[in-house]
Amino acid sequence: MVELLVESIGGVNELGSRLFGWAQASNQSAAGKVASLRMQGPGGIPAWTGQLHIIHESANADVVTLPTRGLVPMDAMLTFTRDGAGTPVLTANAGDSFAGGLANFPVTRSVFVINNGDAWAFAGG
């Protein structure tokens, strides 16, 4: 029975190498999927993959610029949360926009931001 399984997979050691490759791919894809950072002022958000959680802590109405949309994969998601007295303003990079043609978006609580392939799409307030 084992011999038939080995033969059907492609020969001796093929099963081991496939399992090893699968384990490596799983570990690599899981590494670095979720990141979190805090901002205390204006600045730019780096391009990310997976999920990025940003907490903005400031008393000012800081401008926070998203990266160029082409650098962020479509399966990446940003959660951006205001945690200060100021209202941060998310701004699209030059040449990009938010869905609906907006150039910027003030964040009063939390928003989810994704690249929908055409513009930055967001939900929240």
PDB file of N, CA and C in Angstrom:
ATOM      1  N   MET A   1       0.816  -1.187   0.000  1.00  0.00           N
ATOM      2  CA  MET A   1       0.000   0.000   0.000  1.00  0.00           C
ATOM      3  C   MET A   1       0.864   1.256   0.000  1.00  0.00           C
ATOM      4  N   VAL A   2       1.887   1.304   0.841  1.00  0.00           N
ATOM      5  CA  VAL A   2       2.773   2.460   0.893  1.00  0.00           C
ATOM      6  C   VAL A   2       3.496   2.624  -0.426  1.00  0.00           C
ATOM      7  N   GLU A   3       3.910   1.512  -1.021  1.00  0.00           N
ATOM      8  CA  GLU A   3       4.624   1.581  -2.290  1.00  0.00           C
ATOM      9  C   GLU A   3       3.741   2.194  -3.370  1.00  0.00           C
ATOM     10  N   LEU A   4       2.463   1.848  -3.398  1.00  0.00           N
ATOM     11  CA  LEU A   4       1.554   2.425  -4.383  1.00  0.00           C
ATOM     12  C   LEU A   4       1.385   3.927  -4.157  1.00  0.00           C
ATOM     13  N   LEU A   5       1.318   4.331  -2.914  1.00  0.00           N
ATOM     14  CA  LEU A   5       1.204   5.748  -2.600  1.00  0.00           C
ATOM     15  C   LEU A   5       2.434   6.510  -3.077  1.00  0.00           C
ATOM     16  N   VAL A   6       3.603   5.968  -2.812  1.00  0.00           N
ATOM     17  CA  VAL A   6       4.846   6.613  -3.230  1.00  0.00           C
ATOM     18  C   VAL A   6       4.913   6.685  -4.741  1.00  0.00           C
ATOM     19  N   GLU A   7       4.543   5.613  -5.420  1.00  0.00           N
ATOM     20  CA  GLU A   7       4.580   5.603  -6.879  1.00  0.00           C
ATOM     21  C   GLU A   7       3.572   6.600  -7.459  1.00  0.00           C
ATOM     22  N   SER A   8       2.400   6.701  -6.848  1.00  0.00           N
ATOM     23  CA  SER A   8       1.388   7.603  -7.397  1.00  0.00           C
ATOM     24  C   SER A   8       1.775   9.066  -7.206  1.00  0.00           C
ATOM     25  N   ILE A   9       2.610   9.368  -6.225  1.00  0.00           N
ATOM     26  CA  ILE A   9       3.034  10.739  -5.983  1.00  0.00           C
ATOM     27  C   ILE A   9       4.210  11.125  -6.867  1.00  0.00           C
ATOM     28  N   GLY A  10       4.939  10.165  -7.350  1.00  0.00           N
ATOM     29  CA  GLY A  10       6.001  10.521  -8.279  1.00  0.00           C
ATOM     30  C   GLY A  10       7.342   9.918  -7.955  1.00  0.00           C
ATOM     31  N   GLY A  11       7.432   8.961  -7.063  1.00  0.00           N
ATOM     32  CA  GLY A  11       8.706   8.295  -6.838  1.00  0.00           C
ATOM     33  C   GLY A  11       9.207   8.447  -5.424  1.00  0.00           C
ATOM     34  N   VAL A  12      10.336   7.844  -5.164  1.00  0.00           N
ATOM     35  CA  VAL A  12      10.935   7.828  -3.843  1.00  0.00           C
ATOM     36  C   VAL A  12      11.352   9.251  -3.449  1.00  0.00           C
ATOM     37  N   ASN A  13      11.113   9.630  -2.228  1.00  0.00           N
ATOM     38  CA  ASN A  13      11.424  10.947  -1.651  1.00  0.00           C
ATOM     39  C   ASN A  13      10.558  12.084  -2.180  1.00  0.00           C
ATOM     40  N   GLU A  14       9.708  11.818  -3.150  1.00  0.00           N
ATOM     41  CA  GLU A  14       8.854  12.873  -3.676  1.00  0.00           C
ATOM     42  C   GLU A  14       7.859  13.355  -2.626  1.00  0.00           C
ATOM     43  N   LEU A  15       7.287  12.428  -1.862  1.00  0.00           N
ATOM     44  CA  LEU A  15       6.337  12.802  -0.819  1.00  0.00           C
ATOM     45  C   LEU A  15       7.013  13.683   0.231  1.00  0.00           C
ATOM     46  N   GLY A  16       8.194  13.294   0.672  1.00  0.00           N
ATOM     47  CA  GLY A  16       8.916  14.083   1.670  1.00  0.00           C
ATOM     48  C   GLY A  16       9.236  15.480   1.175  1.00  0.00           C
ATOM     49  N   SER A  17       9.685  15.588  -0.079  1.00  0.00           N
ATOM     50  CA  SER A  17      10.042  16.901  -0.599  1.00  0.00           C
ATOM     51  C   SER A  17       8.795  17.765  -0.800  1.00  0.00           C
ATOM     52  N   ARG A  18       7.681  17.150  -1.176  1.00  0.00           N
ATOM     53  CA  ARG A  18       6.444  17.925  -1.324  1.00  0.00           C
ATOM     54  C   ARG A  18       5.937  18.406   0.030  1.00  0.00           C
ATOM     55  N   LEU A  19       6.000  17.540   1.030  1.00  0.00           N
ATOM     56  CA  LEU A  19       5.571  17.948   2.367  1.00  0.00           C
ATOM     57  C   LEU A  19       6.466  19.051   2.916  1.00  0.00           C
ATOM     58  N   PHE A  20       7.775  18.932   2.680  1.00  0.00           N
ATOM     59  CA  PHE A  20       8.708  19.958   3.135  1.00  0.00           C
ATOM     60  C   PHE A  20       8.417  21.285   2.437  1.00  0.00           C
ATOM     61  N   GLY A  21       8.196  21.233   1.125  1.00  0.00           N
ATOM     62  CA  GLY A  21       7.891  22.451   0.367  1.00  0.00           C
ATOM     63  C   GLY A  21       6.596  23.088   0.831  1.00  0.00           C
ATOM     64  N   TRP A  22       5.584  22.261   1.115  1.00  0.00           N
ATOM     65  CA  TRP A  22       4.305  22.775   1.604  1.00  0.00           C
ATOM     66  C   TRP A  22       4.490  23.443   2.964  1.00  0.00           C
ATOM     67  N   ALA A  23       5.259  22.810   3.864  1.00  0.00           N
ATOM     68  CA  ALA A  23       5.488  23.382   5.196  1.00  0.00           C
ATOM     69  C   ALA A  23       6.240  24.704   5.096  1.00  0.00           C
ATOM     70  N   GLN A  24       7.246  24.756   4.228  1.00  0.00           N
ATOM     71  CA  GLN A  24       7.995  26.006   4.050  1.00  0.00           C
ATOM     72  C   GLN A  24       7.096  27.114   3.507  1.00  0.00           C
ATOM     73  N   ALA A  25       6.268  26.794   2.514  1.00  0.00           N
ATOM     74  CA  ALA A  25       5.383  27.798   1.931  1.00  0.00           C
ATOM     75  C   ALA A  25       4.375  28.288   2.961  1.00  0.00           C
ATOM     76  N   SER A  26       3.856  27.381   3.784  1.00  0.00           N
ATOM     77  CA  SER A  26       2.902  27.787   4.820  1.00  0.00           C
ATOM     78  C   SER A  26       3.547  28.715   5.827  1.00  0.00           C
ATOM     79  N   ASN A  27       4.746  28.382   6.278  1.00  0.00           N
ATOM     80  CA  ASN A  27       5.445  29.231   7.248  1.00  0.00           C
ATOM     81  C   ASN A  27       5.785  30.589   6.659  1.00  0.00           C
ATOM     82  N   GLN A  28       6.226  30.606   5.422  1.00  0.00           N
ATOM     83  CA  GLN A  28       6.619  31.862   4.791  1.00  0.00           C
ATOM     84  C   GLN A  28       5.411  32.768   4.556  1.00  0.00           C
ATOM     85  N   SER A  29       4.282  32.180   4.139  1.00  0.00           N
ATOM     86  CA  SER A  29       3.111  33.016   3.884  1.00  0.00           C
ATOM     87  C   SER A  29       2.494  33.532   5.183  1.00  0.00           C
ATOM     88  N   ALA A  30       2.659  32.795   6.270  1.00  0.00           N
ATOM     89  CA  ALA A  30       2.098  33.233   7.553  1.00  0.00           C
ATOM     90  C   ALA A  30       2.980  34.280   8.230  1.00  0.00           C
ATOM     91  N   ALA A  31       4.263  34.279   7.930  1.00  0.00           N
ATOM     92  CA  ALA A  31       5.191  35.214   8.576  1.00  0.00           C
ATOM     93  C   ALA A  31       4.941  36.636   8.084  1.00  0.00           C
ATOM     94  N   GLY A  32       4.796  37.566   9.000  1.00  0.00           N
ATOM     95  CA  GLY A  32       4.672  38.965   8.624  1.00  0.00           C
ATOM     96  C   GLY A  32       3.321  39.346   8.053  1.00  0.00           C
ATOM     97  N   LYS A  33       2.301  38.536   8.227  1.00  0.00           N
ATOM     98  CA  LYS A  33       0.991  38.840   7.665  1.00  0.00           C
ATOM     99  C   LYS A  33       0.292  39.975   8.405  1.00  0.00           C
ATOM    100  N   VAL A  34       0.479  40.064   9.713  1.00  0.00           N
ATOM    101  CA  VAL A  34      -0.190  41.100  10.491  1.00  0.00           C
ATOM    102  C   VAL A  34       0.865  41.975  11.162  1.00  0.00           C
ATOM    103  N   ALA A  35       0.756  43.260  10.933  1.00  0.00           N
ATOM    104  CA  ALA A  35       1.690  44.196  11.557  1.00  0.00           C
ATOM    105  C   ALA A  35       0.878  45.312  12.211  1.00  0.00           C
ATOM    106  N   SER A  36       1.470  45.934  13.212  1.00  0.00           N
ATOM    107  CA  SER A  36       0.804  47.014  13.924  1.00  0.00           C
ATOM    108  C   SER A  36       1.810  48.109  14.216  1.00  0.00           C
ATOM    109  N   LEU A  37       1.368  49.352  14.115  1.00  0.00           N
ATOM    110  CA  LEU A  37       2.251  50.455  14.474  1.00  0.00           C
ATOM    111  C   LEU A  37       1.435  51.622  14.990  1.00  0.00           C
ATOM    112  N   ARG A  38       2.106  52.503  15.701  1.00  0.00           N
ATOM    113  CA  ARG A  38       1.486  53.706  16.247  1.00  0.00           C
ATOM    114  C   ARG A  38       2.128  54.918  15.600  1.00  0.00           C
ATOM    115  N   MET A  39       1.294  55.902  15.297  1.00  0.00           N
ATOM    116  CA  MET A  39       1.785  57.159  14.747  1.00  0.00           C
ATOM    117  C   MET A  39       1.424  58.264  15.730  1.00  0.00           C
ATOM    118  N   GLN A  40       2.337  59.214  15.925  1.00  0.00           N
ATOM    119  CA  GLN A  40       2.073  60.347  16.807  1.00  0.00           C
ATOM    120  C   GLN A  40       2.072  61.671  16.067  1.00  0.00           C
ATOM    121  N   GLY A  41       2.029  61.638  14.766  1.00  0.00           N
ATOM    122  CA  GLY A  41       2.047  62.881  13.995  1.00  0.00           C
ATOM    123  C   GLY A  41       1.803  62.604  12.530  1.00  0.00           C
ATOM    124  N   PRO A  42       2.016  63.617  11.688  1.00  0.00           N
ATOM    125  CA  PRO A  42       1.826  63.432  10.252  1.00  0.00           C
ATOM    126  C   PRO A  42       2.898  62.512   9.691  1.00  0.00           C
ATOM    127  N   GLY A  43       2.604  61.927   8.546  1.00  0.00           N
ATOM    128  CA  GLY A  43       3.599  61.067   7.916  1.00  0.00           C
ATOM    129  C   GLY A  43       2.982  60.206   6.837  1.00  0.00           C
ATOM    130  N   GLY A  44       3.812  59.346   6.310  1.00  0.00           N
ATOM    131  CA  GLY A  44       3.373  58.438   5.265  1.00  0.00           C
ATOM    132  C   GLY A  44       3.286  57.014   5.791  1.00  0.00           C
ATOM    133  N   ILE A  45       2.368  56.279   5.229  1.00  0.00           N
ATOM    134  CA  ILE A  45       2.208  54.867   5.578  1.00  0.00           C
ATOM    135  C   ILE A  45       3.018  54.063   4.571  1.00  0.00           C
ATOM    136  N   PRO A  46       3.838  53.127   5.027  1.00  0.00           N
ATOM    137  CA  PRO A  46       4.609  52.310   4.092  1.00  0.00           C
ATOM    138  C   PRO A  46       3.704  51.304   3.375  1.00  0.00           C
ATOM    139  N   ALA A  47       4.120  50.854   2.208  1.00  0.00           N
ATOM    140  CA  ALA A  47       3.380  49.795   1.516  1.00  0.00           C
ATOM    141  C   ALA A  47       3.383  48.559   2.410  1.00  0.00           C
ATOM    142  N   TRP A  48       2.306  47.789   2.377  1.00  0.00           N
ATOM    143  CA  TRP A  48       2.198  46.624   3.250  1.00  0.00           C
ATOM    144  C   TRP A  48       1.565  45.468   2.502  1.00  0.00           C
ATOM    145  N   THR A  49       1.715  44.272   3.068  1.00  0.00           N
ATOM    146  CA  THR A  49       1.010  43.085   2.606  1.00  0.00           C
ATOM    147  C   THR A  49       0.274  42.514   3.805  1.00  0.00           C
ATOM    148  N   GLY A  50      -0.716  41.689   3.586  1.00  0.00           N
ATOM    149  CA  GLY A  50      -1.470  41.121   4.694  1.00  0.00           C
ATOM    150  C   GLY A  50      -2.304  42.195   5.365  1.00  0.00           C
ATOM    151  N   GLN A  51      -2.221  42.252   6.684  1.00  0.00           N
ATOM    152  CA  GLN A  51      -2.985  43.240   7.442  1.00  0.00           C
ATOM    153  C   GLN A  51      -2.048  44.187   8.165  1.00  0.00           C
ATOM    154  N   LEU A  52      -2.398  45.454   8.144  1.00  0.00           N
ATOM    155  CA  LEU A  52      -1.649  46.469   8.867  1.00  0.00           C
ATOM    156  C   LEU A  52      -2.634  47.232   9.740  1.00  0.00           C
ATOM    157  N   HIS A  53      -2.336  47.317  11.030  1.00  0.00           N
ATOM    158  CA  HIS A  53      -3.164  48.062  11.971  1.00  0.00           C
ATOM    159  C   HIS A  53      -2.373  49.289  12.421  1.00  0.00           C
ATOM    160  N   ILE A  54      -2.960  50.462  12.245  1.00  0.00           N
ATOM    161  CA  ILE A  54      -2.307  51.705  12.663  1.00  0.00           C
ATOM    162  C   ILE A  54      -3.210  52.420  13.666  1.00  0.00           C
ATOM    163  N   ILE A  55      -2.608  52.820  14.774  1.00  0.00           N
ATOM    164  CA  ILE A  55      -3.296  53.637  15.766  1.00  0.00           C
ATOM    165  C   ILE A  55      -2.640  55.014  15.730  1.00  0.00           C
ATOM    166  N   HIS A  56      -3.449  56.036  15.462  1.00  0.00           N
ATOM    167  CA  HIS A  56      -2.937  57.402  15.353  1.00  0.00           C
ATOM    168  C   HIS A  56      -3.239  58.141  16.645  1.00  0.00           C
ATOM    169  N   GLU A  57      -2.186  58.552  17.338  1.00  0.00           N
ATOM    170  CA  GLU A  57      -2.308  59.253  18.624  1.00  0.00           C
ATOM    171  C   GLU A  57      -1.754  60.663  18.473  1.00  0.00           C
ATOM    172  N   SER A  58      -2.648  61.641  18.351  1.00  0.00           N
ATOM    173  CA  SER A  58      -2.193  63.019  18.204  1.00  0.00           C
ATOM    174  C   SER A  58      -3.332  63.966  18.550  1.00  0.00           C
ATOM    175  N   ALA A  59      -2.970  65.143  19.006  1.00  0.00           N
ATOM    176  CA  ALA A  59      -3.965  66.180  19.283  1.00  0.00           C
ATOM    177  C   ALA A  59      -4.193  67.058  18.062  1.00  0.00           C
ATOM    178  N   ASN A  60      -3.482  66.781  16.965  1.00  0.00           N
ATOM    179  CA  ASN A  60      -3.544  67.615  15.768  1.00  0.00           C
ATOM    180  C   ASN A  60      -4.322  66.934  14.644  1.00  0.00           C
ATOM    181  N   ALA A  61      -4.714  67.720  13.668  1.00  0.00           N
ATOM    182  CA  ALA A  61      -5.351  67.197  12.455  1.00  0.00           C
ATOM    183  C   ALA A  61      -4.250  66.847  11.458  1.00  0.00           C
ATOM    184  N   ASP A  62      -3.528  65.763  11.734  1.00  0.00           N
ATOM    185  CA  ASP A  62      -2.360  65.377  10.934  1.00  0.00           C
ATOM    186  C   ASP A  62      -2.762  64.781   9.587  1.00  0.00           C
ATOM    187  N   VAL A  63      -1.986  65.093   8.556  1.00  0.00           N
ATOM    188  CA  VAL A  63      -2.160  64.492   7.249  1.00  0.00           C
ATOM    189  C   VAL A  63      -1.330  63.206   7.219  1.00  0.00           C
ATOM    190  N   VAL A  64      -1.997  62.106   6.896  1.00  0.00           N
ATOM    191  CA  VAL A  64      -1.346  60.796   6.812  1.00  0.00           C
ATOM    192  C   VAL A  64      -1.529  60.304   5.383  1.00  0.00           C
ATOM    193  N   THR A  65      -0.416  60.127   4.668  1.00  0.00           N
ATOM    194  CA  THR A  65      -0.457  59.777   3.251  1.00  0.00           C
ATOM    195  C   THR A  65      -0.327  58.275   3.048  1.00  0.00           C
ATOM    196  N   LEU A  66      -1.242  57.728   2.252  1.00  0.00           N
ATOM    197  CA  LEU A  66      -1.181  56.313   1.888  1.00  0.00           C
ATOM    198  C   LEU A  66      -0.075  56.104   0.864  1.00  0.00           C
ATOM    199  N   PRO A  67       0.475  54.898   0.777  1.00  0.00           N
ATOM    200  CA  PRO A  67       1.497  54.640  -0.241  1.00  0.00           C
ATOM    201  C   PRO A  67       0.869  54.644  -1.635  1.00  0.00           C
ATOM    202  N   THR A  68       1.693  54.614  -2.642  1.00  0.00           N
ATOM    203  CA  THR A  68       1.190  54.474  -4.004  1.00  0.00           C
ATOM    204  C   THR A  68       0.377  53.190  -4.089  1.00  0.00           C
ATOM    205  N   ARG A  69      -0.843  53.272  -4.569  1.00  0.00           N
ATOM    206  CA  ARG A  69      -1.762  52.140  -4.566  1.00  0.00           C
ATOM    207  C   ARG A  69      -1.205  50.921  -5.300  1.00  0.00           C
ATOM    208  N   GLY A  70      -0.422  51.136  -6.339  1.00  0.00           N
ATOM    209  CA  GLY A  70       0.152  50.034  -7.102  1.00  0.00           C
ATOM    210  C   GLY A  70       1.132  49.186  -6.309  1.00  0.00           C
ATOM    211  N   LEU A  71       1.626  49.688  -5.177  1.00  0.00           N
ATOM    212  CA  LEU A  71       2.573  48.938  -4.353  1.00  0.00           C
ATOM    213  C   LEU A  71       1.893  48.038  -3.326  1.00  0.00           C
ATOM    214  N   VAL A  72       0.574  48.170  -3.180  1.00  0.00           N
ATOM    215  CA  VAL A  72      -0.162  47.418  -2.160  1.00  0.00           C
ATOM    216  C   VAL A  72      -1.028  46.370  -2.856  1.00  0.00           C
ATOM    217  N   PRO A  73      -0.836  45.078  -2.528  1.00  0.00           N
ATOM    218  CA  PRO A  73      -1.640  44.027  -3.163  1.00  0.00           C
ATOM    219  C   PRO A  73      -3.127  44.186  -2.840  1.00  0.00           C
ATOM    220  N   MET A  74      -3.963  43.657  -3.701  1.00  0.00           N
ATOM    221  CA  MET A  74      -5.402  43.800  -3.522  1.00  0.00           C
ATOM    222  C   MET A  74      -5.949  42.989  -2.354  1.00  0.00           C
ATOM    223  N   ASP A  75      -5.191  42.036  -1.831  1.00  0.00           N
ATOM    224  CA  ASP A  75      -5.675  41.279  -0.667  1.00  0.00           C
ATOM    225  C   ASP A  75      -5.161  41.858   0.647  1.00  0.00           C
ATOM    226  N   ALA A  76      -4.488  43.000   0.596  1.00  0.00           N
ATOM    227  CA  ALA A  76      -3.983  43.657   1.808  1.00  0.00           C
ATOM    228  C   ALA A  76      -5.070  44.548   2.402  1.00  0.00           C
ATOM    229  N   MET A  77      -5.097  44.636   3.726  1.00  0.00           N
ATOM    230  CA  MET A  77      -6.088  45.487   4.395  1.00  0.00           C
ATOM    231  C   MET A  77      -5.419  46.338   5.463  1.00  0.00           C
ATOM    232  N   LEU A  78      -5.854  47.584   5.534  1.00  0.00           N
ATOM    233  CA  LEU A  78      -5.377  48.517   6.544  1.00  0.00           C
ATOM    234  C   LEU A  78      -6.535  48.847   7.482  1.00  0.00           C
ATOM    235  N   THR A  79      -6.281  48.780   8.778  1.00  0.00           N
ATOM    236  CA  THR A  79      -7.222  49.353   9.743  1.00  0.00           C
ATOM    237  C   THR A  79      -6.516  50.557  10.345  1.00  0.00           C
ATOM    238  N   PHE A  80      -7.191  51.688  10.318  1.00  0.00           N
ATOM    239  CA  PHE A  80      -6.618  52.939  10.793  1.00  0.00           C
ATOM    240  C   PHE A  80      -7.556  53.492  11.852  1.00  0.00           C
ATOM    241  N   THR A  81      -7.034  53.673  13.074  1.00  0.00           N
ATOM    242  CA  THR A  81      -7.858  54.087  14.209  1.00  0.00           C
ATOM    243  C   THR A  81      -7.344  55.379  14.808  1.00  0.00           C
ATOM    244  N   ARG A  82      -8.256  56.300  15.031  1.00  0.00           N
ATOM    245  CA  ARG A  82      -7.933  57.559  15.713  1.00  0.00           C
ATOM    246  C   ARG A  82      -7.965  57.287  17.214  1.00  0.00           C
ATOM    247  N   ASP A  83      -6.899  57.696  17.910  1.00  0.00           N
ATOM    248  CA  ASP A  83      -6.827  57.531  19.360  1.00  0.00           C
ATOM    249  C   ASP A  83      -6.206  58.783  19.969  1.00  0.00           C
ATOM    250  N   GLY A  84      -6.756  59.918  19.648  1.00  0.00           N
ATOM    251  CA  GLY A  84      -6.260  61.190  20.164  1.00  0.00           C
ATOM    252  C   GLY A  84      -7.316  62.252  19.948  1.00  0.00           C
ATOM    253  N   ALA A  85      -7.035  63.447  20.386  1.00  0.00           N
ATOM    254  CA  ALA A  85      -7.999  64.542  20.257  1.00  0.00           C
ATOM    255  C   ALA A  85      -8.108  65.039  18.820  1.00  0.00           C
ATOM    256  N   GLY A  86      -7.037  64.925  18.043  1.00  0.00           N
ATOM    257  CA  GLY A  86      -7.037  65.405  16.665  1.00  0.00           C
ATOM    258  C   GLY A  86      -7.715  64.429  15.713  1.00  0.00           C
ATOM    259  N   THR A  87      -8.143  64.943  14.584  1.00  0.00           N
ATOM    260  CA  THR A  87      -8.765  64.106  13.550  1.00  0.00           C
ATOM    261  C   THR A  87      -7.774  63.948  12.403  1.00  0.00           C
ATOM    262  N   PRO A  88      -7.130  62.788  12.290  1.00  0.00           N
ATOM    263  CA  PRO A  88      -6.180  62.584  11.192  1.00  0.00           C
ATOM    264  C   PRO A  88      -6.908  62.538   9.851  1.00  0.00           C
ATOM    265  N   VAL A  89      -6.216  62.970   8.812  1.00  0.00           N
ATOM    266  CA  VAL A  89      -6.786  63.000   7.472  1.00  0.00           C
ATOM    267  C   VAL A  89      -5.973  62.064   6.583  1.00  0.00           C
ATOM    268  N   LEU A  90      -6.601  60.950   6.162  1.00  0.00           N
ATOM    269  CA  LEU A  90      -5.939  60.048   5.218  1.00  0.00           C
ATOM    270  C   LEU A  90      -5.945  60.704   3.844  1.00  0.00           C
ATOM    271  N   THR A  91      -4.795  60.720   3.202  1.00  0.00           N
ATOM    272  CA  THR A  91      -4.651  61.362   1.903  1.00  0.00           C
ATOM    273  C   THR A  91      -4.087  60.361   0.907  1.00  0.00           C
ATOM    274  N   ALA A  92      -4.658  60.339  -0.282  1.00  0.00           N
ATOM    275  CA  ALA A  92      -4.162  59.476  -1.345  1.00  0.00           C
ATOM    276  C   ALA A  92      -2.888  60.078  -1.928  1.00  0.00           C
ATOM    277  N   ASN A  93      -1.980  59.221  -2.341  1.00  0.00           N
ATOM    278  CA  ASN A  93      -0.742  59.646  -2.972  1.00  0.00           C
ATOM    279  C   ASN A  93      -1.061  60.267  -4.336  1.00  0.00           C
ATOM    280  N   ALA A  94      -0.142  61.036  -4.887  1.00  0.00           N
ATOM    281  CA  ALA A  94      -0.337  61.675  -6.189  1.00  0.00           C
ATOM    282  C   ALA A  94      -0.732  60.632  -7.234  1.00  0.00           C
ATOM    283  N   GLY A  95      -1.786  60.915  -7.974  1.00  0.00           N
ATOM    284  CA  GLY A  95      -2.257  60.000  -9.005  1.00  0.00           C
ATOM    285  C   GLY A  95      -3.274  58.985  -8.514  1.00  0.00           C
ATOM    286  N   ASP A  96      -3.437  58.858  -7.210  1.00  0.00           N
ATOM    287  CA  ASP A  96      -4.413  57.933  -6.632  1.00  0.00           C
ATOM    288  C   ASP A  96      -5.578  58.721  -6.057  1.00  0.00           C
ATOM    289  N   SER A  97      -6.666  58.023  -5.790  1.00  0.00           N
ATOM    290  CA  SER A  97      -7.807  58.662  -5.138  1.00  0.00           C
ATOM    291  C   SER A  97      -8.560  57.621  -4.331  1.00  0.00           C
ATOM    292  N   PHE A  98      -9.477  58.091  -3.525  1.00  0.00           N
ATOM    293  CA  PHE A  98     -10.390  57.206  -2.810  1.00  0.00           C
ATOM    294  C   PHE A  98     -11.591  56.934  -3.708  1.00  0.00           C
ATOM    295  N   ALA A  99     -12.294  55.857  -3.427  1.00  0.00           N
ATOM    296  CA  ALA A  99     -13.510  55.563  -4.181  1.00  0.00           C
ATOM    297  C   ALA A  99     -14.445  56.768  -4.102  1.00  0.00           C
ATOM    298  N   GLY A 100     -15.085  57.074  -5.185  1.00  0.00           N
ATOM    299  CA  GLY A 100     -15.957  58.245  -5.228  1.00  0.00           C
ATOM    300  C   GLY A 100     -15.223  59.506  -5.627  1.00  0.00           C
ATOM    301  N   GLY A 101     -13.924  59.393  -5.926  1.00  0.00           N
ATOM    302  CA  GLY A 101     -13.155  60.545  -6.371  1.00  0.00           C
ATOM    303  C   GLY A 101     -12.598  61.425  -5.277  1.00  0.00           C
ATOM    304  N   LEU A 102     -12.739  61.010  -4.018  1.00  0.00           N
ATOM    305  CA  LEU A 102     -12.198  61.812  -2.924  1.00  0.00           C
ATOM    306  C   LEU A 102     -10.675  61.787  -2.931  1.00  0.00           C
ATOM    307  N   ALA A 103     -10.045  62.898  -2.593  1.00  0.00           N
ATOM    308  CA  ALA A 103      -8.586  62.968  -2.496  1.00  0.00           C
ATOM    309  C   ALA A 103      -8.111  62.698  -1.079  1.00  0.00           C
ATOM    310  N   ASN A 104      -9.000  62.923  -0.086  1.00  0.00           N
ATOM    311  CA  ASN A 104      -8.627  62.658   1.304  1.00  0.00           C
ATOM    312  C   ASN A 104      -9.875  62.285   2.101  1.00  0.00           C
ATOM    313  N   PHE A 105      -9.637  61.786   3.313  1.00  0.00           N
ATOM    314  CA  PHE A 105     -10.742  61.314   4.136  1.00  0.00           C
ATOM    315  C   PHE A 105     -10.403  61.517   5.608  1.00  0.00           C
ATOM    316  N   PRO A 106     -11.147  62.370   6.335  1.00  0.00           N
ATOM    317  CA  PRO A 106     -10.893  62.547   7.770  1.00  0.00           C
ATOM    318  C   PRO A 106     -11.399  61.330   8.557  1.00  0.00           C
ATOM    319  N   VAL A 107     -10.576  60.845   9.468  1.00  0.00           N
ATOM    320  CA  VAL A 107     -10.921  59.661  10.251  1.00  0.00           C
ATOM    321  C   VAL A 107     -11.361  60.108  11.640  1.00  0.00           C
ATOM    322  N   THR A 108     -12.634  59.920  11.938  1.00  0.00           N
ATOM    323  CA  THR A 108     -13.157  60.322  13.238  1.00  0.00           C
ATOM    324  C   THR A 108     -13.135  59.179  14.247  1.00  0.00           C
ATOM    325  N   ARG A 109     -13.143  57.940  13.776  1.00  0.00           N
ATOM    326  CA  ARG A 109     -13.064  56.769  14.655  1.00  0.00           C
ATOM    327  C   ARG A 109     -12.085  55.769  14.067  1.00  0.00           C
ATOM    328  N   SER A 110     -12.586  54.814  13.282  1.00  0.00           N
ATOM    329  CA  SER A 110     -11.751  53.802  12.630  1.00  0.00           C
ATOM    330  C   SER A 110     -12.240  53.578  11.209  1.00  0.00           C
ATOM    331  N   VAL A 111     -11.313  53.249  10.320  1.00  0.00           N
ATOM    332  CA  VAL A 111     -11.670  52.894   8.948  1.00  0.00           C
ATOM    333  C   VAL A 111     -10.893  51.657   8.523  1.00  0.00           C
ATOM    334  N   PHE A 112     -11.478  50.915   7.596  1.00  0.00           N
ATOM    335  CA  PHE A 112     -10.809  49.820   6.908  1.00  0.00           C
ATOM    336  C   PHE A 112     -10.524  50.326   5.506  1.00  0.00           C
ATOM    337  N   VAL A 113      -9.295  50.151   5.044  1.00  0.00           N
ATOM    338  CA  VAL A 113      -8.905  50.653   3.729  1.00  0.00           C
ATOM    339  C   VAL A 113      -8.320  49.494   2.927  1.00  0.00           C
ATOM    340  N   ILE A 114      -8.791  49.335   1.676  1.00  0.00           N
ATOM    341  CA  ILE A 114      -8.247  48.313   0.775  1.00  0.00           C
ATOM    342  C   ILE A 114      -8.021  48.917  -0.605  1.00  0.00           C
ATOM    343  N   ASN A 115      -7.190  48.262  -1.369  1.00  0.00           N
ATOM    344  CA  ASN A 115      -6.941  48.615  -2.760  1.00  0.00           C
ATOM    345  C   ASN A 115      -7.936  47.815  -3.593  1.00  0.00           C
ATOM    346  N   ASN A 116      -8.886  48.470  -4.223  1.00  0.00           N
ATOM    347  CA  ASN A 116      -9.866  47.707  -5.009  1.00  0.00           C
ATOM    348  C   ASN A 116      -9.464  47.577  -6.476  1.00  0.00           C
ATOM    349  N   GLY A 117      -8.239  47.940  -6.809  1.00  0.00           N
ATOM    350  CA  GLY A 117      -7.741  47.823  -8.174  1.00  0.00           C
ATOM    351  C   GLY A 117      -7.954  49.090  -8.984  1.00  0.00           C
ATOM    352  N   ASP A 118      -8.821  49.972  -8.522  1.00  0.00           N
ATOM    353  CA  ASP A 118      -9.107  51.196  -9.229  1.00  0.00           C
ATOM    354  C   ASP A 118      -8.876  52.429  -8.354  1.00  0.00           C
ATOM    355  N   ALA A 119      -9.120  52.257  -7.040  1.00  0.00           N
ATOM    356  CA  ALA A 119      -8.979  53.362  -6.092  1.00  0.00           C
ATOM    357  C   ALA A 119      -8.850  52.753  -4.700  1.00  0.00           C
ATOM    358  N   TRP A 120      -8.593  53.597  -3.721  1.00  0.00           N
ATOM    359  CA  TRP A 120      -8.621  53.166  -2.319  1.00  0.00           C
ATOM    360  C   TRP A 120     -10.090  53.108  -1.899  1.00  0.00           C
ATOM    361  N   ALA A 121     -10.539  51.958  -1.462  1.00  0.00           N
ATOM    362  CA  ALA A 121     -11.900  51.818  -0.954  1.00  0.00           C
ATOM    363  C   ALA A 121     -11.830  51.790   0.561  1.00  0.00           C
ATOM    364  N   PHE A 122     -12.855  52.330   1.229  1.00  0.00           N
ATOM    365  CA  PHE A 122     -12.822  52.394   2.687  1.00  0.00           C
ATOM    366  C   PHE A 122     -14.217  52.218   3.242  1.00  0.00           C
ATOM    367  N   ALA A 123     -14.262  51.772   4.474  1.00  0.00           N
ATOM    368  CA  ALA A 123     -15.516  51.661   5.223  1.00  0.00           C
ATOM    369  C   ALA A 123     -15.224  52.099   6.641  1.00  0.00           C
ATOM    370  N   GLY A 124     -16.115  52.858   7.226  1.00  0.00           N
ATOM    371  CA  GLY A 124     -15.920  53.340   8.591  1.00  0.00           C
ATOM    372  C   GLY A 124     -16.081  54.835   8.654  1.00  0.00           C
ATOM    373  N   GLY A 125     -15.663  55.379   9.775  1.00  0.00           N
ATOM    374  CA  GLY A 125     -15.861  56.812   9.945  1.00  0.00           C
ATOM    375  C   GLY A 125     -14.760  57.485  10.669  1.00  0.00           C
TER     376      GLY A 125
END
